[in-house]
Amino acid sequence: MDFEHIAFAVESRIARLTLKRAPLNILDIAMMREINHALELVNDEAVKLLVIGAEGRNFSAGVSIEEHTRDKVDEMISLFHGIFRHLDQLSIPTLAAVQGAALGGGCELALFCDMVIAADNARFGQPEIKAGVFPPIAAVILPRLVSSKRALELLLTGEPVDATEACRLGLVNKVVPLDQLPAATENMIGSLQALSGSALRLTMRAARAGVRGSFSTALDEVEALYLKDLMSTHDASEGLSAFLEKRPPSWTDR
């Protein structure tokens, strides 16, 4: 398949998926369709590692707000969550290389990967609360990655953290100068590429067995909450409209 919004290739048993909608790499419906299709092409037995990166100055500023309308939100959420369902089913490690903004859905995509290398200019945040909504993936995974108090702080304030703080929290494995991000990523790839593919897959299975609760089950519950309860509120519509119209929202708390 010829991709328009992403690049996808497998070489030397390494699968590479690159976001290609610079400067912000906004995740719209067309792009998410391509990401899902690329992930369907990943053969766990044929590759040892999936690397997710992005062209331009930013990793991704998140999911398209313009497409976050009531007539499109079901498809948008289905495609977006489909990405994570595909990633969750992979038996190989995943690695994100992040520069610049990783916000909203972009932050979720980066942090869902098993390992993250960040440039020193990277910023991670979930600003959805400021638009009157919440990030379903982050609501499921952040409490598993950091303390519940810090997870709630990130979710409830919407304030981003820089790469150094993200590393201190355990959200990021390593922080390097921006110009060293490609080399650091390739060094990590080389370290894993030299190992047994079967050992990598079994280690991933063992590590995931130690995490209580199914991601898929939790996501089903949160997704229903998002689509059936949240998206029927006045404040969700108001927050998203205010964002698009570049004005302060007028909350009614209902």
C-alpha atoms as a PDB file:
ATOM      1  CA  MET A   1       0.000   0.000   0.000  1.00  0.00           C
ATOM      2  CA  ASP A   2       1.169   3.509  -0.821  1.00  0.00           C
ATOM      3  CA  PHE A   3       0.913   5.705   2.263  1.00  0.00           C
ATOM      4  CA  GLU A   4       0.335   9.455   2.050  1.00  0.00           C
ATOM      5  CA  HIS A   5       0.455  10.584   5.679  1.00  0.00           C
ATOM      6  CA  ILE A   6       2.966   8.125   7.109  1.00  0.00           C
ATOM      7  CA  ALA A   7       5.998   6.148   6.012  1.00  0.00           C
ATOM      8  CA  PHE A   8       6.235   2.464   6.829  1.00  0.00           C
ATOM      9  CA  ALA A   9       9.029   0.041   6.048  1.00  0.00           C
ATOM     10  CA  VAL A  10      10.596  -3.143   7.382  1.00  0.00           C
ATOM     11  CA  GLU A  11      14.331  -3.566   6.988  1.00  0.00           C
ATOM     12  CA  SER A  12      16.756  -5.870   8.757  1.00  0.00           C
ATOM     13  CA  ARG A  13      13.881  -7.111  10.928  1.00  0.00           C
ATOM     14  CA  ILE A  14      13.099  -3.593  12.200  1.00  0.00           C
ATOM     15  CA  ALA A  15       9.677  -2.076  11.410  1.00  0.00           C
ATOM     16  CA  ARG A  16       9.659   1.715  11.211  1.00  0.00           C
ATOM     17  CA  LEU A  17       6.509   3.847  11.234  1.00  0.00           C
ATOM     18  CA  THR A  18       7.011   7.583  10.692  1.00  0.00           C
ATOM     19  CA  LEU A  19       4.378  10.311  10.988  1.00  0.00           C
ATOM     20  CA  LYS A  20       4.572  12.614   7.961  1.00  0.00           C
ATOM     21  CA  ARG A  21       2.231  15.564   8.495  1.00  0.00           C
ATOM     22  CA  ALA A  22       4.731  18.186   9.638  1.00  0.00           C
ATOM     23  CA  PRO A  23       4.911  20.603  11.287  1.00  0.00           C
ATOM     24  CA  LEU A  24       2.491  19.271  13.940  1.00  0.00           C
ATOM     25  CA  ASN A  25       1.731  15.745  12.667  1.00  0.00           C
ATOM     26  CA  ILE A  26      -1.928  16.096  13.611  1.00  0.00           C
ATOM     27  CA  LEU A  27      -3.626  12.690  13.718  1.00  0.00           C
ATOM     28  CA  ASP A  28      -6.661  12.987  11.461  1.00  0.00           C
ATOM     29  CA  ILE A  29      -8.960  10.189  10.317  1.00  0.00           C
ATOM     30  CA  ALA A  30      -7.079   9.581   7.056  1.00  0.00           C
ATOM     31  CA  MET A  31      -3.751   9.346   8.870  1.00  0.00           C
ATOM     32  CA  MET A  32      -5.130   7.044  11.552  1.00  0.00           C
ATOM     33  CA  ARG A  33      -6.495   4.709   8.892  1.00  0.00           C
ATOM     34  CA  GLU A  34      -2.980   4.450   7.475  1.00  0.00           C
ATOM     35  CA  ILE A  35      -1.405   3.850  10.888  1.00  0.00           C
ATOM     36  CA  ASN A  36      -3.870   1.056  11.612  1.00  0.00           C
ATOM     37  CA  HIS A  37      -3.177  -0.537   8.241  1.00  0.00           C
ATOM     38  CA  ALA A  38       0.588  -0.327   8.767  1.00  0.00           C
ATOM     39  CA  LEU A  39       0.277  -1.976  12.173  1.00  0.00           C
ATOM     40  CA  GLU A  40      -1.741  -4.782  10.599  1.00  0.00           C
ATOM     41  CA  LEU A  41       1.265  -5.422   8.360  1.00  0.00           C
ATOM     42  CA  VAL A  42       3.662  -5.918  11.268  1.00  0.00           C
ATOM     43  CA  ASN A  43       4.525  -9.605  11.486  1.00  0.00           C
ATOM     44  CA  ASP A  44       5.710 -10.407  15.002  1.00  0.00           C
ATOM     45  CA  GLU A  45       7.642 -13.419  13.774  1.00  0.00           C
ATOM     46  CA  ALA A  46       9.440 -11.463  11.049  1.00  0.00           C
ATOM     47  CA  VAL A  47      10.485  -8.380  13.018  1.00  0.00           C
ATOM     48  CA  LYS A  48      12.172  -7.767  16.356  1.00  0.00           C
ATOM     49  CA  LEU A  49      11.153  -4.187  17.050  1.00  0.00           C
ATOM     50  CA  LEU A  50       8.685  -1.481  15.983  1.00  0.00           C
ATOM     51  CA  VAL A  51      10.035   2.081  15.975  1.00  0.00           C
ATOM     52  CA  ILE A  52       7.639   5.032  15.838  1.00  0.00           C
ATOM     53  CA  GLY A  53       8.997   8.468  14.958  1.00  0.00           C
ATOM     54  CA  ALA A  54       7.977  11.631  13.174  1.00  0.00           C
ATOM     55  CA  GLU A  55       9.229  14.035  10.557  1.00  0.00           C
ATOM     56  CA  GLY A  56       9.675  17.720  11.336  1.00  0.00           C
ATOM     57  CA  ARG A  57      10.105  19.610  14.568  1.00  0.00           C
ATOM     58  CA  ASN A  58       7.338  17.856  16.524  1.00  0.00           C
ATOM     59  CA  PHE A  59       6.291  14.310  17.259  1.00  0.00           C
ATOM     60  CA  SER A  60       2.539  15.004  17.230  1.00  0.00           C
ATOM     61  CA  ALA A  61       0.268  17.681  18.667  1.00  0.00           C
ATOM     62  CA  GLY A  62      -2.566  15.183  18.891  1.00  0.00           C
ATOM     63  CA  VAL A  63      -5.839  14.179  17.268  1.00  0.00           C
ATOM     64  CA  SER A  64      -7.608  16.571  14.901  1.00  0.00           C
ATOM     65  CA  ILE A  65     -10.044  18.776  16.829  1.00  0.00           C
ATOM     66  CA  GLU A  66     -11.694  19.735  13.532  1.00  0.00           C
ATOM     67  CA  GLU A  67     -12.819  16.115  13.152  1.00  0.00           C
ATOM     68  CA  HIS A  68     -13.897  15.814  16.779  1.00  0.00           C
ATOM     69  CA  THR A  69     -17.529  16.461  15.853  1.00  0.00           C
ATOM     70  CA  ARG A  70     -20.558  14.417  16.862  1.00  0.00           C
ATOM     71  CA  ASP A  71     -20.962  13.042  13.343  1.00  0.00           C
ATOM     72  CA  LYS A  72     -17.339  11.875  13.190  1.00  0.00           C
ATOM     73  CA  VAL A  73     -16.326  11.194  16.777  1.00  0.00           C
ATOM     74  CA  ASP A  74     -17.386   7.520  16.772  1.00  0.00           C
ATOM     75  CA  GLU A  75     -15.234   6.762  13.723  1.00  0.00           C
ATOM     76  CA  MET A  76     -12.390   8.917  15.025  1.00  0.00           C
ATOM     77  CA  ILE A  77     -12.323   7.218  18.435  1.00  0.00           C
ATOM     78  CA  SER A  78     -12.642   3.768  16.853  1.00  0.00           C
ATOM     79  CA  LEU A  79      -9.669   4.417  14.568  1.00  0.00           C
ATOM     80  CA  PHE A  80      -7.606   6.090  17.282  1.00  0.00           C
ATOM     81  CA  HIS A  81      -8.219   3.347  19.815  1.00  0.00           C
ATOM     82  CA  GLY A  82      -7.646   0.787  17.086  1.00  0.00           C
ATOM     83  CA  ILE A  83      -4.028   1.965  16.949  1.00  0.00           C
ATOM     84  CA  PHE A  84      -3.547   1.082  20.614  1.00  0.00           C
ATOM     85  CA  ARG A  85      -5.430  -2.187  20.328  1.00  0.00           C
ATOM     86  CA  HIS A  86      -3.034  -3.157  17.534  1.00  0.00           C
ATOM     87  CA  LEU A  87      -0.004  -2.074  19.565  1.00  0.00           C
ATOM     88  CA  ASP A  88      -1.293  -3.956  22.600  1.00  0.00           C
ATOM     89  CA  GLN A  89      -1.524  -7.148  20.550  1.00  0.00           C
ATOM     90  CA  LEU A  90       2.066  -6.985  19.331  1.00  0.00           C
ATOM     91  CA  SER A  91       4.443  -9.404  21.035  1.00  0.00           C
ATOM     92  CA  ILE A  92       7.538  -7.361  20.111  1.00  0.00           C
ATOM     93  CA  PRO A  93       8.959  -4.290  21.855  1.00  0.00           C
ATOM     94  CA  THR A  94       7.991  -0.844  20.622  1.00  0.00           C
ATOM     95  CA  LEU A  95      10.200   2.255  20.737  1.00  0.00           C
ATOM     96  CA  ALA A  96       9.187   5.895  20.275  1.00  0.00           C
ATOM     97  CA  ALA A  97      11.659   8.604  19.259  1.00  0.00           C
ATOM     98  CA  VAL A  98      10.192  11.952  20.303  1.00  0.00           C
ATOM     99  CA  GLN A  99      11.117  15.513  19.512  1.00  0.00           C
ATOM    100  CA  GLY A 100       9.189  18.714  20.166  1.00  0.00           C
ATOM    101  CA  ALA A 101       5.522  18.512  21.064  1.00  0.00           C
ATOM    102  CA  ALA A 102       3.968  15.210  22.081  1.00  0.00           C
ATOM    103  CA  LEU A 103       0.562  16.418  23.176  1.00  0.00           C
ATOM    104  CA  GLY A 104      -2.874  14.868  23.488  1.00  0.00           C
ATOM    105  CA  GLY A 105      -3.099  11.838  21.224  1.00  0.00           C
ATOM    106  CA  GLY A 106       0.544  12.336  20.303  1.00  0.00           C
ATOM    107  CA  CYS A 107       1.537  12.016  23.943  1.00  0.00           C
ATOM    108  CA  GLU A 108      -0.588   8.888  24.287  1.00  0.00           C
ATOM    109  CA  LEU A 109       1.000   7.337  21.189  1.00  0.00           C
ATOM    110  CA  ALA A 110       4.520   8.005  22.469  1.00  0.00           C
ATOM    111  CA  LEU A 111       3.927   6.891  26.055  1.00  0.00           C
ATOM    112  CA  PHE A 112       2.090   3.732  25.026  1.00  0.00           C
ATOM    113  CA  CYS A 113       5.313   2.487  23.435  1.00  0.00           C
ATOM    114  CA  ASP A 114       7.389   0.197  25.630  1.00  0.00           C
ATOM    115  CA  MET A 115      10.406   2.536  25.509  1.00  0.00           C
ATOM    116  CA  VAL A 116      10.792   6.226  24.742  1.00  0.00           C
ATOM    117  CA  ILE A 117      13.872   8.215  23.771  1.00  0.00           C
ATOM    118  CA  ALA A 118      13.233  11.951  23.912  1.00  0.00           C
ATOM    119  CA  ALA A 119      15.098  14.962  22.594  1.00  0.00           C
ATOM    120  CA  ASP A 120      15.771  17.635  25.180  1.00  0.00           C
ATOM    121  CA  ASN A 121      13.189  19.896  23.506  1.00  0.00           C
ATOM    122  CA  ALA A 122      10.356  17.368  23.887  1.00  0.00           C
ATOM    123  CA  ARG A 123       7.198  18.244  25.827  1.00  0.00           C
ATOM    124  CA  PHE A 124       4.606  15.727  26.972  1.00  0.00           C
ATOM    125  CA  GLY A 125       1.085  16.687  27.963  1.00  0.00           C
ATOM    126  CA  GLN A 126      -2.615  15.872  27.936  1.00  0.00           C
ATOM    127  CA  PRO A 127      -4.409  19.227  27.479  1.00  0.00           C
ATOM    128  CA  GLU A 128      -7.811  17.673  26.675  1.00  0.00           C
ATOM    129  CA  ILE A 129      -9.346  18.792  29.989  1.00  0.00           C
ATOM    130  CA  LYS A 130      -9.047  22.404  28.795  1.00  0.00           C
ATOM    131  CA  ALA A 131     -11.384  21.540  25.905  1.00  0.00           C
ATOM    132  CA  GLY A 132     -13.930  19.923  28.229  1.00  0.00           C
ATOM    133  CA  VAL A 133     -13.007  16.317  27.499  1.00  0.00           C
ATOM    134  CA  PHE A 134     -10.551  13.718  28.789  1.00  0.00           C
ATOM    135  CA  PRO A 135      -7.985  11.470  27.047  1.00  0.00           C
ATOM    136  CA  PRO A 136      -9.219   7.839  27.257  1.00  0.00           C
ATOM    137  CA  ILE A 137      -5.877   6.166  26.536  1.00  0.00           C
ATOM    138  CA  ALA A 138      -3.996   8.354  29.006  1.00  0.00           C
ATOM    139  CA  ALA A 139      -6.698   7.769  31.630  1.00  0.00           C
ATOM    140  CA  VAL A 140      -5.976   4.045  31.348  1.00  0.00           C
ATOM    141  CA  ILE A 141      -2.197   4.019  31.030  1.00  0.00           C
ATOM    142  CA  LEU A 142      -0.902   6.980  33.074  1.00  0.00           C
ATOM    143  CA  PRO A 143      -1.919   5.485  36.460  1.00  0.00           C
ATOM    144  CA  ARG A 144       0.020   2.383  35.394  1.00  0.00           C
ATOM    145  CA  LEU A 145       3.133   4.392  34.518  1.00  0.00           C
ATOM    146  CA  VAL A 146       3.383   6.922  37.360  1.00  0.00           C
ATOM    147  CA  SER A 147       1.871   7.427  40.803  1.00  0.00           C
ATOM    148  CA  SER A 148      -1.880   7.991  40.863  1.00  0.00           C
ATOM    149  CA  LYS A 149      -1.356  11.516  42.187  1.00  0.00           C
ATOM    150  CA  ARG A 150       0.970  12.537  39.360  1.00  0.00           C
ATOM    151  CA  ALA A 151      -1.259  10.811  36.821  1.00  0.00           C
ATOM    152  CA  LEU A 152      -4.244  12.801  38.048  1.00  0.00           C
ATOM    153  CA  GLU A 153      -2.223  16.009  38.041  1.00  0.00           C
ATOM    154  CA  LEU A 154      -1.336  15.488  34.373  1.00  0.00           C
ATOM    155  CA  LEU A 155      -4.928  14.571  33.481  1.00  0.00           C
ATOM    156  CA  LEU A 156      -6.732  17.221  35.540  1.00  0.00           C
ATOM    157  CA  THR A 157      -4.507  20.255  34.924  1.00  0.00           C
ATOM    158  CA  GLY A 158      -3.588  19.550  31.318  1.00  0.00           C
ATOM    159  CA  GLU A 159      -0.186  21.110  31.938  1.00  0.00           C
ATOM    160  CA  PRO A 160       2.744  19.602  29.999  1.00  0.00           C
ATOM    161  CA  VAL A 161       6.062  18.427  31.409  1.00  0.00           C
ATOM    162  CA  ASP A 162       9.423  18.785  29.725  1.00  0.00           C
ATOM    163  CA  ALA A 163      11.621  15.870  28.724  1.00  0.00           C
ATOM    164  CA  THR A 164      13.722  16.004  31.894  1.00  0.00           C
ATOM    165  CA  GLU A 165      10.667  15.839  34.152  1.00  0.00           C
ATOM    166  CA  ALA A 166       9.123  13.112  31.995  1.00  0.00           C
ATOM    167  CA  CYS A 167      12.294  11.092  32.435  1.00  0.00           C
ATOM    168  CA  ARG A 168      12.286  11.689  36.198  1.00  0.00           C
ATOM    169  CA  LEU A 169       8.686  10.450  36.337  1.00  0.00           C
ATOM    170  CA  GLY A 170       9.622   7.306  34.444  1.00  0.00           C
ATOM    171  CA  LEU A 171       7.646   8.195  31.307  1.00  0.00           C
ATOM    172  CA  VAL A 172      10.823   8.413  29.238  1.00  0.00           C
ATOM    173  CA  ASN A 173      13.872   6.122  29.201  1.00  0.00           C
ATOM    174  CA  LYS A 174      16.479   8.596  28.042  1.00  0.00           C
ATOM    175  CA  VAL A 175      16.840  12.287  27.158  1.00  0.00           C
ATOM    176  CA  VAL A 176      19.429  13.391  24.613  1.00  0.00           C
ATOM    177  CA  PRO A 177      20.248  16.644  22.803  1.00  0.00           C
ATOM    178  CA  LEU A 178      18.018  17.137  19.779  1.00  0.00           C
ATOM    179  CA  ASP A 179      20.841  16.657  17.289  1.00  0.00           C
ATOM    180  CA  GLN A 180      21.724  13.321  18.937  1.00  0.00           C
ATOM    181  CA  LEU A 181      18.203  11.840  18.827  1.00  0.00           C
ATOM    182  CA  PRO A 182      18.708   9.895  15.560  1.00  0.00           C
ATOM    183  CA  ALA A 183      22.002   8.395  16.766  1.00  0.00           C
ATOM    184  CA  ALA A 184      20.604   7.514  20.200  1.00  0.00           C
ATOM    185  CA  THR A 185      17.615   5.865  18.557  1.00  0.00           C
ATOM    186  CA  GLU A 186      19.827   3.830  16.248  1.00  0.00           C
ATOM    187  CA  ASN A 187      21.997   2.771  19.204  1.00  0.00           C
ATOM    188  CA  MET A 188      18.926   1.441  21.014  1.00  0.00           C
ATOM    189  CA  ILE A 189      17.739  -0.282  17.846  1.00  0.00           C
ATOM    190  CA  GLY A 190      21.162  -1.883  17.409  1.00  0.00           C
ATOM    191  CA  SER A 191      21.166  -3.187  20.971  1.00  0.00           C
ATOM    192  CA  LEU A 192      17.819  -4.933  20.484  1.00  0.00           C
ATOM    193  CA  GLN A 193      18.529  -6.031  16.923  1.00  0.00           C
ATOM    194  CA  ALA A 194      21.500  -8.051  18.189  1.00  0.00           C
ATOM    195  CA  LEU A 195      19.297 -10.103  20.513  1.00  0.00           C
ATOM    196  CA  SER A 196      17.180 -13.205  19.946  1.00  0.00           C
ATOM    197  CA  GLY A 197      13.765 -12.394  18.500  1.00  0.00           C
ATOM    198  CA  SER A 198      12.129 -15.248  20.399  1.00  0.00           C
ATOM    199  CA  ALA A 199      13.755 -14.129  23.657  1.00  0.00           C
ATOM    200  CA  LEU A 200      12.483 -10.580  23.094  1.00  0.00           C
ATOM    201  CA  ARG A 201       8.930 -11.788  22.471  1.00  0.00           C
ATOM    202  CA  LEU A 202       8.901 -14.089  25.503  1.00  0.00           C
ATOM    203  CA  THR A 203      10.375 -11.381  27.717  1.00  0.00           C
ATOM    204  CA  MET A 204       7.605  -9.029  26.596  1.00  0.00           C
ATOM    205  CA  ARG A 205       5.005 -11.662  27.474  1.00  0.00           C
ATOM    206  CA  ALA A 206       6.557 -12.187  30.884  1.00  0.00           C
ATOM    207  CA  ALA A 207       6.714  -8.465  31.640  1.00  0.00           C
ATOM    208  CA  ARG A 208       3.102  -7.903  30.597  1.00  0.00           C
ATOM    209  CA  ALA A 209       1.972 -10.825  32.731  1.00  0.00           C
ATOM    210  CA  GLY A 210       3.204  -8.880  35.727  1.00  0.00           C
ATOM    211  CA  VAL A 211       0.818  -5.978  35.047  1.00  0.00           C
ATOM    212  CA  ARG A 212      -2.545  -6.624  36.630  1.00  0.00           C
ATOM    213  CA  GLY A 213      -5.682  -5.906  34.634  1.00  0.00           C
ATOM    214  CA  SER A 214      -6.260  -6.049  30.911  1.00  0.00           C
ATOM    215  CA  PHE A 215      -5.630  -2.904  28.870  1.00  0.00           C
ATOM    216  CA  SER A 216      -8.295  -3.993  26.380  1.00  0.00           C
ATOM    217  CA  THR A 217     -10.960  -4.444  29.065  1.00  0.00           C
ATOM    218  CA  ALA A 218     -10.122  -1.118  30.691  1.00  0.00           C
ATOM    219  CA  LEU A 219     -10.190   0.672  27.335  1.00  0.00           C
ATOM    220  CA  ASP A 220     -13.616  -0.795  26.490  1.00  0.00           C
ATOM    221  CA  GLU A 221     -15.017   0.684  29.702  1.00  0.00           C
ATOM    222  CA  VAL A 222     -13.361   4.083  29.273  1.00  0.00           C
ATOM    223  CA  GLU A 223     -14.319   4.279  25.590  1.00  0.00           C
ATOM    224  CA  ALA A 224     -17.995   3.737  26.460  1.00  0.00           C
ATOM    225  CA  LEU A 225     -17.745   6.422  29.145  1.00  0.00           C
ATOM    226  CA  TYR A 226     -16.225   8.828  26.621  1.00  0.00           C
ATOM    227  CA  LEU A 227     -18.691   8.274  23.766  1.00  0.00           C
ATOM    228  CA  LYS A 228     -21.936   7.712  25.700  1.00  0.00           C
ATOM    229  CA  ASP A 229     -21.518  10.003  28.699  1.00  0.00           C
ATOM    230  CA  LEU A 230     -18.861  12.630  28.050  1.00  0.00           C
ATOM    231  CA  MET A 231     -19.749  13.460  24.437  1.00  0.00           C
ATOM    232  CA  SER A 232     -23.400  14.036  25.377  1.00  0.00           C
ATOM    233  CA  THR A 233     -22.508  16.873  27.788  1.00  0.00           C
ATOM    234  CA  HIS A 234     -22.862  20.552  26.978  1.00  0.00           C
ATOM    235  CA  ASP A 235     -19.359  21.301  28.210  1.00  0.00           C
ATOM    236  CA  ALA A 236     -17.725  18.805  25.828  1.00  0.00           C
ATOM    237  CA  SER A 237     -19.371  20.504  22.847  1.00  0.00           C
ATOM    238  CA  GLU A 238     -18.611  23.948  24.249  1.00  0.00           C
ATOM    239  CA  GLY A 239     -14.982  23.174  24.992  1.00  0.00           C
ATOM    240  CA  LEU A 240     -14.297  21.790  21.533  1.00  0.00           C
ATOM    241  CA  SER A 241     -16.126  24.666  19.837  1.00  0.00           C
ATOM    242  CA  ALA A 242     -14.240  27.222  21.926  1.00  0.00           C
ATOM    243  CA  PHE A 243     -10.933  25.621  20.961  1.00  0.00           C
ATOM    244  CA  LEU A 244     -11.754  25.812  17.251  1.00  0.00           C
ATOM    245  CA  GLU A 245     -13.096  29.367  17.561  1.00  0.00           C
ATOM    246  CA  LYS A 246     -10.042  30.426  19.604  1.00  0.00           C
ATOM    247  CA  ARG A 247     -12.066  31.835  22.495  1.00  0.00           C
ATOM    248  CA  PRO A 248     -12.356  31.043  26.204  1.00  0.00           C
ATOM    249  CA  PRO A 249     -14.966  28.349  26.916  1.00  0.00           C
ATOM    250  CA  SER A 250     -18.131  29.141  28.832  1.00  0.00           C
ATOM    251  CA  TRP A 251     -18.682  26.183  31.121  1.00  0.00           C
ATOM    252  CA  THR A 252     -22.128  25.217  32.455  1.00  0.00           C
ATOM    253  CA  ASP A 253     -20.810  22.249  34.427  1.00  0.00           C
ATOM    254  CA  ARG A 254     -23.255  19.909  32.717  1.00  0.00           C
END
